[in-house]
């Protein structure tokens, strides 16, 4: 009987410690709060747009750090994937690189299914299908090919495996790009695929858009704050900006199922990719050029000049993009890129005679700027940094403290019983 009581105390202590880890693994905030925090769903009319389209039948490829397919939000969303880095899993569902949460956060905003009725992160195209392609960004990753080669391969794989839309929340941090990208992006455009790219973030060092956001035919996305004003830290600028979307006060799901707060055009881009999916589902016979035109033509200028380097053609307007009467245009992304290649890739330039192999450019996922906080503001969600370096260590310390306390109480009671007997 005495052994049974002691065993019960040990089991209870282990249960308390396990519960502490489950809290971190699931969420630092109740999932209802997670859904309520997604202001862009109502503020930009996505919930209204869902009466017309939810993205059913459209496939979106996410070229990023890989997507954790085990989180609740991804159940039923991922229909295929691959790894082009040589260090991930064959299905693209093992996050790779130092910023391994990035791809999962992007995918959740785009086509997340939520974690239950009214709970968790739901994407703006909640019925769209996802392809996940894992890329090892940066240097010294152990990848079997360089960054430029991985991106070109990823784009081609996405096209060959049925992508209607490709999301690229990444930057080369240069306005130019390698010729291998000419071929890969032309291949996508010739197969009627819409490519959406993030503009980058000043707060993380990207002061002007870089490739792929500079490639003709790509729909480039800038970022705005909750007041629909251009974000300084969580956006960039350039003549290729197409539209703007929310890039501040975003909430995302990360590998393991926790929720974090984040800023950046990495989050604005999938909101636009999701909108492209809604339009393609509602207008299945519309070509890529006219899909892009519906989004830019119906964007809300909000008092700004159309085609500017900050807002592009304005803030996205999902209900308008789906229901407005928009005349067809002769807009062909493939023709735009072909003309650029004709002008800028001069055939009479002799090959490099130096014998040196050009050094490929390092590509990175769009780095998130730091989250500004007022001195008296309590954050509802942790960031990925606080989750890793503060929350988890605190949970470990608290858990072991609780375990020690319970064992101490158990030992004291046991000694008292022994004294009475």
Protein backbone atom coordinates (compact mmCIF):
# COMPACT_ATOMS: atom_id res chain seq x y z
CA UNK A 1 0.00 0.00 0.00
CA UNK A 2 2.85 2.35 0.87
CA UNK A 3 4.59 1.56 -2.46
CA UNK A 4 1.36 2.27 -4.31
CA UNK A 5 1.09 5.73 -2.73
CA UNK A 6 4.72 6.59 -3.58
CA UNK A 7 4.23 5.31 -7.14
CA UNK A 8 1.15 7.52 -7.43
CA UNK A 9 3.17 10.58 -6.43
CA UNK A 10 5.79 9.80 -9.06
CA UNK A 11 3.17 9.35 -11.78
CA UNK A 12 1.52 12.64 -10.80
CA UNK A 13 4.85 14.44 -10.94
CA UNK A 14 5.63 13.08 -14.40
CA UNK A 15 2.14 14.09 -15.57
CA UNK A 16 2.63 17.67 -14.36
CA UNK A 17 6.01 17.88 -16.10
CA UNK A 18 4.57 16.45 -19.33
CA UNK A 19 1.71 18.94 -19.23
CA UNK A 20 4.21 21.79 -19.10
CA UNK A 21 5.81 20.61 -22.33
CA UNK A 22 2.44 20.03 -24.01
CA UNK A 23 1.54 23.65 -23.29
CA UNK A 24 4.55 24.80 -25.28
CA UNK A 25 3.97 22.26 -28.00
CA UNK A 26 0.37 23.22 -28.61
CA UNK A 27 0.10 26.95 -28.02
CA UNK A 28 0.87 29.74 -25.63
CA UNK A 29 -2.64 31.06 -26.20
CA UNK A 30 -6.00 29.35 -26.58
CA UNK A 31 -6.74 28.60 -30.23
CA UNK A 32 -9.90 30.75 -30.20
CA UNK A 33 -7.65 33.75 -29.58
CA UNK A 34 -5.50 32.66 -32.50
CA UNK A 35 -8.46 32.82 -34.87
CA UNK A 36 -9.67 36.12 -33.40
CA UNK A 37 -6.21 37.62 -33.94
CA UNK A 38 -6.41 37.14 -37.72
CA UNK A 39 -7.76 40.62 -38.42
CA UNK A 40 -7.05 40.43 -42.17
CA UNK A 41 -9.82 37.87 -42.69
CA UNK A 42 -12.55 40.41 -41.94
CA UNK A 43 -10.74 43.72 -42.47
CA UNK A 44 -9.84 42.81 -46.06
CA UNK A 45 -13.05 40.93 -46.83
CA UNK A 46 -11.69 37.41 -47.14
CA UNK A 47 -14.63 36.01 -45.17
CA UNK A 48 -16.96 37.72 -47.66
CA UNK A 49 -14.91 36.43 -50.59
CA UNK A 50 -15.35 32.88 -49.31
CA UNK A 51 -19.01 33.09 -50.31
CA UNK A 52 -17.71 33.05 -53.89
CA UNK A 53 -14.53 30.97 -53.67
CA UNK A 54 -12.39 29.14 -51.11
CA UNK A 55 -9.68 28.04 -53.55
CA UNK A 56 -11.03 24.55 -54.20
CA UNK A 57 -9.22 22.73 -57.00
CA UNK A 58 -6.27 25.15 -57.13
CA UNK A 59 -2.74 24.00 -56.29
CA UNK A 60 -0.22 26.40 -54.74
CA UNK A 61 3.47 25.58 -54.41
CA UNK A 62 5.35 27.00 -51.42
CA UNK A 63 9.06 27.26 -52.20
CA UNK A 64 10.54 27.81 -48.76
CA UNK A 65 12.25 26.06 -45.86
CA UNK A 66 9.82 23.13 -45.90
CA UNK A 67 6.44 22.74 -44.21
CA UNK A 68 5.74 20.66 -41.11
CA UNK A 69 2.84 18.54 -42.34
CA UNK A 70 2.12 17.18 -38.86
CA UNK A 71 0.63 20.39 -37.45
CA UNK A 72 -3.16 20.48 -37.25
CA UNK A 73 -3.44 23.37 -39.72
CA UNK A 74 -1.77 21.33 -42.46
CA UNK A 75 -3.97 18.24 -42.16
CA UNK A 76 -5.54 17.68 -45.58
CA UNK A 77 -3.76 20.67 -47.13
CA UNK A 78 -0.54 19.16 -48.52
CA UNK A 79 -0.94 17.01 -51.64
CA UNK A 80 2.71 16.67 -52.62
CA UNK A 81 6.21 17.94 -52.14
CA UNK A 82 9.91 17.46 -52.64
CA UNK A 83 13.30 18.56 -51.34
CA UNK A 84 15.80 20.26 -53.63
CA UNK A 85 18.49 20.82 -51.00
CA UNK A 86 19.63 17.25 -50.55
CA UNK A 87 19.31 17.49 -46.76
CA UNK A 88 15.53 17.44 -46.27
CA UNK A 89 12.98 14.66 -46.59
CA UNK A 90 11.76 13.52 -50.03
CA UNK A 91 8.27 14.93 -49.40
CA UNK A 92 9.46 18.42 -48.44
CA UNK A 93 7.88 18.18 -45.01
CA UNK A 94 11.07 18.30 -42.95
CA UNK A 95 11.94 21.96 -42.29
CA UNK A 96 15.58 22.71 -43.14
CA UNK A 97 18.00 25.57 -42.53
CA UNK A 98 18.45 27.93 -39.60
CA UNK A 99 15.02 29.56 -40.04
CA UNK A 100 13.14 26.29 -40.22
CA UNK A 101 9.83 27.74 -39.00
CA UNK A 102 9.50 30.07 -41.98
CA UNK A 103 7.86 27.73 -44.50
CA UNK A 104 5.27 26.43 -42.04
CA UNK A 105 4.21 29.97 -41.06
CA UNK A 106 3.88 30.93 -44.74
CA UNK A 107 1.84 27.84 -45.59
CA UNK A 108 -0.53 28.37 -42.66
CA UNK A 109 -1.44 31.90 -43.72
CA UNK A 110 -2.00 30.71 -47.26
CA UNK A 111 -4.05 27.53 -46.92
CA UNK A 112 -4.18 26.51 -43.25
CA UNK A 113 -7.20 24.40 -42.27
CA UNK A 114 -7.37 25.62 -38.67
CA UNK A 115 -7.04 23.30 -35.69
CA UNK A 116 -10.77 22.73 -35.24
CA UNK A 117 -14.08 24.52 -35.87
CA UNK A 118 -13.32 28.22 -35.36
CA UNK A 119 -9.87 27.49 -33.94
CA UNK A 120 -6.27 27.89 -35.02
CA UNK A 121 -4.76 29.51 -38.10
CA UNK A 122 -6.97 29.37 -41.17
CA UNK A 123 -5.51 30.37 -44.50
CA UNK A 124 -7.09 32.87 -46.86
CA UNK A 125 -7.57 30.02 -49.36
CA UNK A 126 -8.62 27.27 -46.93
CA UNK A 127 -9.64 24.77 -49.62
CA UNK A 128 -6.59 25.16 -51.87
CA UNK A 129 -4.04 22.35 -52.14
CA UNK A 130 -0.39 22.83 -51.26
CA UNK A 131 2.88 21.55 -52.69
CA UNK A 132 5.82 22.05 -50.33
CA UNK A 133 9.34 22.35 -51.73
CA UNK A 134 12.13 22.58 -49.17
CA UNK A 135 15.16 24.73 -49.93
CA UNK A 136 18.25 25.15 -47.74
CA UNK A 137 18.83 28.90 -47.86
CA UNK A 138 22.15 30.53 -47.10
CA UNK A 139 25.73 29.30 -46.98
CA UNK A 140 27.31 26.25 -45.32
CA UNK A 141 24.00 24.40 -45.02
CA UNK A 142 25.28 21.08 -46.30
CA UNK A 143 23.03 21.36 -49.35
CA UNK A 144 24.11 19.41 -52.42
CA UNK A 145 23.65 22.38 -54.77
CA UNK A 146 23.91 26.16 -54.52
CA UNK A 147 20.97 28.45 -53.77
CA UNK A 148 20.43 29.62 -57.35
CA UNK A 149 20.32 26.06 -58.64
CA UNK A 150 17.89 24.98 -55.92
CA UNK A 151 15.44 27.77 -56.78
CA UNK A 152 15.49 27.01 -60.51
CA UNK A 153 14.92 23.32 -59.80
CA UNK A 154 12.13 24.11 -57.33
CA UNK A 155 10.25 26.28 -59.84
CA UNK A 156 10.45 23.61 -62.54
CA UNK A 157 9.34 20.87 -60.14
CA UNK A 158 6.36 22.95 -59.06
CA UNK A 159 5.25 23.44 -62.66
CA UNK A 160 5.72 19.77 -63.54
CA UNK A 161 3.65 18.74 -60.53
CA UNK A 162 0.60 20.83 -61.24
CA UNK A 163 1.13 24.17 -59.50
CA UNK A 164 -1.26 26.93 -60.57
CA UNK A 165 0.42 29.43 -58.23
CA UNK A 166 3.93 29.61 -56.76
CA UNK A 167 4.65 31.52 -53.54
CA UNK A 168 8.20 32.81 -53.01
CA UNK A 169 8.77 34.54 -49.67
CA UNK A 170 12.49 34.80 -50.33
CA UNK A 171 15.03 37.20 -51.79
CA UNK A 172 18.34 37.12 -53.59
CA UNK A 173 19.02 40.62 -52.22
CA UNK A 174 20.16 41.73 -55.68
CA UNK A 175 18.09 43.24 -58.48
CA UNK A 176 19.56 40.78 -61.00
CA UNK A 177 19.29 37.00 -61.19
CA UNK A 178 21.11 34.12 -62.94
CA UNK A 179 20.22 32.97 -66.44
CA UNK A 180 19.05 29.64 -65.01
CA UNK A 181 16.17 31.60 -63.50
CA UNK A 182 15.31 33.01 -66.94
CA UNK A 183 14.61 29.50 -68.13
CA UNK A 184 12.81 28.34 -64.98
CA UNK A 185 10.52 31.37 -64.69
CA UNK A 186 9.83 31.36 -68.43
CA UNK A 187 8.87 27.70 -68.11
CA UNK A 188 6.39 28.62 -65.37
CA UNK A 189 4.90 31.53 -67.31
CA UNK A 190 4.59 29.48 -70.51
CA UNK A 191 2.60 26.95 -68.47
CA UNK A 192 0.24 29.67 -67.20
CA UNK A 193 1.51 29.68 -63.60
CA UNK A 194 1.21 32.83 -61.46
CA UNK A 195 4.32 33.57 -59.38
CA UNK A 196 3.97 35.73 -56.25
CA UNK A 197 7.04 37.14 -54.47
CA UNK A 198 7.60 39.14 -51.28
CA UNK A 199 9.17 42.59 -51.55
CA UNK A 200 11.42 42.21 -48.49
CA UNK A 201 11.73 44.15 -45.24
CA UNK A 202 13.69 47.34 -44.53
CA UNK A 203 13.91 46.35 -40.88
CA UNK A 204 15.94 43.31 -41.89
CA UNK A 205 18.19 45.17 -44.31
CA UNK A 206 16.31 44.93 -47.62
CA UNK A 207 15.95 48.58 -48.62
CA UNK A 208 14.86 47.81 -52.20
CA UNK A 209 13.23 44.78 -53.78
CA UNK A 210 15.49 42.02 -55.02
CA UNK A 211 14.97 38.99 -57.26
CA UNK A 212 12.64 37.19 -57.67
CA UNK A 213 10.54 40.30 -56.91
CA UNK A 214 12.29 42.16 -59.75
CA UNK A 215 11.58 39.58 -62.45
CA UNK A 216 9.09 40.77 -65.10
CA UNK A 217 5.77 38.94 -64.87
CA UNK A 218 6.07 38.23 -61.13
CA UNK A 219 3.38 39.69 -58.83
CA UNK A 220 5.39 41.48 -56.12
CA UNK A 221 3.84 42.17 -52.71
CA UNK A 222 4.59 45.09 -50.38
CA UNK A 223 3.43 45.31 -46.75
CA UNK A 224 1.15 47.59 -44.74
CA UNK A 225 0.32 47.91 -41.05
CA UNK A 226 -3.09 47.45 -39.42
CA UNK A 227 -4.01 51.03 -40.35
CA UNK A 228 -3.37 50.16 -44.02
CA UNK A 229 -0.36 52.47 -44.13
CA UNK A 230 2.89 51.30 -45.71
CA UNK A 231 5.03 49.55 -43.13
CA UNK A 232 8.51 50.97 -42.71
CA UNK A 233 10.20 47.93 -41.17
CA UNK A 234 7.99 45.18 -42.64
CA UNK A 235 8.11 46.22 -46.30
CA UNK A 236 10.41 47.57 -48.97
CA UNK A 237 10.02 49.54 -52.19
CA UNK A 238 10.61 49.36 -55.92
CA UNK A 239 9.05 49.93 -59.33
CA UNK A 240 8.01 46.28 -59.56
CA UNK A 241 5.62 46.42 -56.57
CA UNK A 242 2.25 45.07 -57.70
CA UNK A 243 -0.02 45.23 -54.65
CA UNK A 244 0.20 45.62 -50.88
CA UNK A 245 -1.14 43.35 -48.13
CA UNK A 246 -0.91 43.09 -44.31
CA UNK A 247 2.64 42.50 -43.07
CA UNK A 248 2.36 43.50 -39.40
CA UNK A 249 0.80 41.84 -36.34
CA UNK A 250 0.53 38.49 -38.11
CA UNK A 251 0.11 35.21 -36.26
CA UNK A 252 1.55 31.97 -37.56
CA UNK A 253 1.79 28.30 -36.69
CA UNK A 254 5.30 26.87 -36.43
CA UNK A 255 6.64 23.30 -36.51
CA UNK A 256 5.31 21.44 -33.49
CA UNK A 257 2.03 23.37 -33.44
CA UNK A 258 2.86 26.47 -31.39
CA UNK A 259 1.62 29.91 -32.44
CA UNK A 260 3.83 32.98 -32.75
CA UNK A 261 3.46 36.63 -33.62
CA UNK A 262 5.44 37.88 -36.61
CA UNK A 263 5.91 40.75 -39.06
CA UNK A 264 7.15 40.82 -42.64
CA UNK A 265 6.28 40.63 -46.32
CA UNK A 266 6.96 36.91 -46.00
CA UNK A 267 3.45 36.88 -44.52
CA UNK A 268 1.97 39.40 -46.96
CA UNK A 269 2.97 37.30 -49.98
CA UNK A 270 0.98 34.15 -49.03
CA UNK A 271 -2.09 36.32 -48.41
CA UNK A 272 -1.82 37.40 -52.04
CA UNK A 273 -0.99 33.89 -53.26
CA UNK A 274 -4.14 32.75 -51.47
CA UNK A 275 -6.12 35.49 -53.20
CA UNK A 276 -4.73 34.30 -56.55
CA UNK A 277 -5.99 30.82 -55.65
CA UNK A 278 -9.47 32.20 -54.89
CA UNK A 279 -9.57 33.97 -58.27
CA UNK A 280 -8.29 30.94 -60.18
CA UNK A 281 -10.93 28.75 -58.54
CA UNK A 282 -13.70 31.23 -59.38
CA UNK A 283 -12.44 31.85 -62.94
CA UNK A 284 -10.83 28.57 -64.04
CA UNK A 285 -10.59 29.65 -67.70
CA UNK A 286 -8.79 32.90 -66.94
CA UNK A 287 -5.12 33.00 -67.95
CA UNK A 288 -2.36 34.06 -65.55
CA UNK A 289 -2.09 37.58 -66.95
CA UNK A 290 -5.78 38.27 -66.45
CA UNK A 291 -5.76 36.69 -62.99
CA UNK A 292 -3.05 39.16 -61.98
CA UNK A 293 -4.97 41.97 -63.67
CA UNK A 294 -8.14 41.22 -61.68
CA UNK A 295 -6.14 41.62 -58.47
CA UNK A 296 -4.31 44.80 -59.48
CA UNK A 297 -7.32 46.42 -61.21
CA UNK A 298 -9.57 45.98 -58.17
CA UNK A 299 -6.96 46.95 -55.57
CA UNK A 300 -7.82 49.85 -53.27
CA UNK A 301 -5.54 52.83 -53.90
CA UNK A 302 -6.58 54.33 -50.56
CA UNK A 303 -5.65 57.79 -51.81
CA UNK A 304 -2.32 56.80 -53.37
CA UNK A 305 -1.13 57.02 -56.95
CA UNK A 306 -1.47 53.83 -58.99
CA UNK A 307 1.76 52.09 -59.91
CA UNK A 308 3.89 53.76 -57.25
CA UNK A 309 6.96 52.13 -55.66
CA UNK A 310 5.39 51.82 -52.21
CA UNK A 311 1.85 50.46 -52.70
CA UNK A 312 1.94 49.40 -56.35
CA UNK A 313 -1.65 49.38 -57.58
CA UNK A 314 -3.00 49.47 -54.05
CA UNK A 315 -4.21 47.30 -51.19
CA UNK A 316 -5.70 43.94 -52.06
CA UNK A 317 -9.50 43.82 -52.30
CA UNK A 318 -10.59 40.16 -52.24
CA UNK A 319 -14.36 40.71 -52.75
CA UNK A 320 -13.65 43.05 -55.65
CA UNK A 321 -11.15 40.68 -57.23
CA UNK A 322 -13.79 37.96 -57.21
CA UNK A 323 -16.95 39.83 -58.17
CA UNK A 324 -16.06 43.06 -60.01
CA UNK A 325 -16.62 43.43 -63.74
CA UNK A 326 -13.04 43.55 -65.01
CA UNK A 327 -12.43 43.68 -68.78
CA UNK A 328 -9.94 41.21 -70.22
CA UNK A 329 -6.48 42.52 -71.07
CA UNK A 330 -3.64 41.42 -73.29
CA UNK A 331 -1.19 40.80 -70.45
CA UNK A 332 1.29 37.95 -70.77
CA UNK A 333 3.95 37.37 -68.08
CA UNK A 334 5.92 35.17 -70.49
CA UNK A 335 6.05 37.96 -73.08
CA UNK A 336 7.17 40.46 -70.43
CA UNK A 337 10.06 38.24 -69.36
CA UNK A 338 10.95 37.36 -72.96
CA UNK A 339 11.26 41.05 -73.81
CA UNK A 340 13.49 41.66 -70.80
CA UNK A 341 15.72 38.75 -71.83
CA UNK A 342 15.91 40.08 -75.41
CA UNK A 343 17.04 43.48 -74.20
CA UNK A 344 19.31 42.53 -71.29
CA UNK A 345 20.84 39.16 -72.18
CA UNK A 346 23.01 40.26 -75.10
CA UNK A 347 23.95 37.36 -77.35
CA UNK A 348 27.11 39.13 -78.56
CA UNK A 349 28.71 39.24 -75.11
CA UNK A 350 31.60 36.73 -75.16
CA UNK A 351 31.76 34.10 -72.43
CA UNK A 352 33.98 34.72 -69.43
CA UNK A 353 37.56 33.99 -70.51
CA UNK A 354 39.02 34.21 -67.03
CA UNK A 355 38.46 30.56 -66.33
CA UNK A 356 36.91 31.45 -62.98
CA UNK A 357 33.53 30.06 -62.00
CA UNK A 358 31.09 32.82 -60.95
CA UNK A 359 30.15 32.63 -57.29
CA UNK A 360 26.41 31.90 -56.86
CA UNK A 361 24.48 34.45 -54.83
CA UNK A 362 23.32 33.50 -51.34
CA UNK A 363 19.53 33.44 -51.13
CA UNK A 364 17.63 33.80 -47.88
CA UNK A 365 14.01 33.55 -46.85
CA UNK A 366 12.68 37.06 -46.33
CA UNK A 367 14.07 37.87 -42.89
CA UNK A 368 11.50 39.18 -40.43
CA UNK A 369 12.16 42.58 -38.85
CA UNK A 370 12.12 42.79 -35.04
CA UNK A 371 8.70 43.17 -33.45
CA UNK A 372 8.24 46.65 -31.93
CA UNK A 373 6.47 46.68 -28.56
CA UNK A 374 5.35 49.43 -26.25
CA UNK A 375 6.87 49.33 -22.78
CA UNK A 376 3.52 48.48 -21.19
CA UNK A 377 2.33 46.10 -23.89
CA UNK A 378 1.98 42.41 -23.06
CA UNK A 379 2.35 40.26 -26.18
CA UNK A 380 -0.45 37.78 -26.73
CA UNK A 381 1.83 35.40 -28.60
CA UNK A 382 5.55 34.73 -28.24
CA UNK A 383 7.96 35.18 -31.12
CA UNK A 384 10.03 32.27 -32.42
CA UNK A 385 13.02 33.74 -30.53
CA UNK A 386 11.24 34.03 -27.18
CA UNK A 387 9.75 30.58 -27.64
CA UNK A 388 13.20 29.06 -28.16
CA UNK A 389 15.30 31.02 -25.67
CA UNK A 390 12.85 32.07 -22.95
CA UNK A 391 9.62 30.06 -22.89
CA UNK A 392 11.11 26.59 -23.28
CA UNK A 393 13.91 27.06 -20.70
CA UNK A 394 11.37 28.49 -18.24
CA UNK A 395 9.11 25.51 -18.79
CA UNK A 396 12.00 23.13 -18.16
CA UNK A 397 12.99 24.93 -14.95
CA UNK A 398 9.38 25.17 -13.78
CA UNK A 399 8.75 21.55 -14.62
CA UNK A 400 11.72 20.27 -12.65
CA UNK A 401 10.85 22.63 -9.79
CA UNK A 402 7.34 21.19 -9.67
CA UNK A 403 8.72 17.66 -9.80
CA UNK A 404 11.10 18.35 -6.91
CA UNK A 405 8.32 19.93 -4.85
CA UNK A 406 5.96 17.00 -5.38
CA UNK A 407 8.64 14.47 -4.53
CA UNK A 408 9.52 16.50 -1.42
CA UNK A 409 5.88 16.55 -0.30
CA UNK A 410 5.64 12.84 -0.93
CA UNK A 411 8.76 12.11 1.08
CA UNK A 412 7.58 14.27 4.01
CA UNK A 413 4.22 12.50 4.16
CA UNK A 414 5.91 9.15 3.94
CA UNK A 415 8.19 10.01 6.89
CA UNK A 416 5.21 11.21 8.96
CA UNK A 417 3.35 7.96 8.28
CA UNK A 418 6.43 5.96 9.22
CA UNK A 419 6.73 7.90 12.49
CA UNK A 420 3.07 7.24 13.35
CA UNK A 421 3.42 3.56 12.65
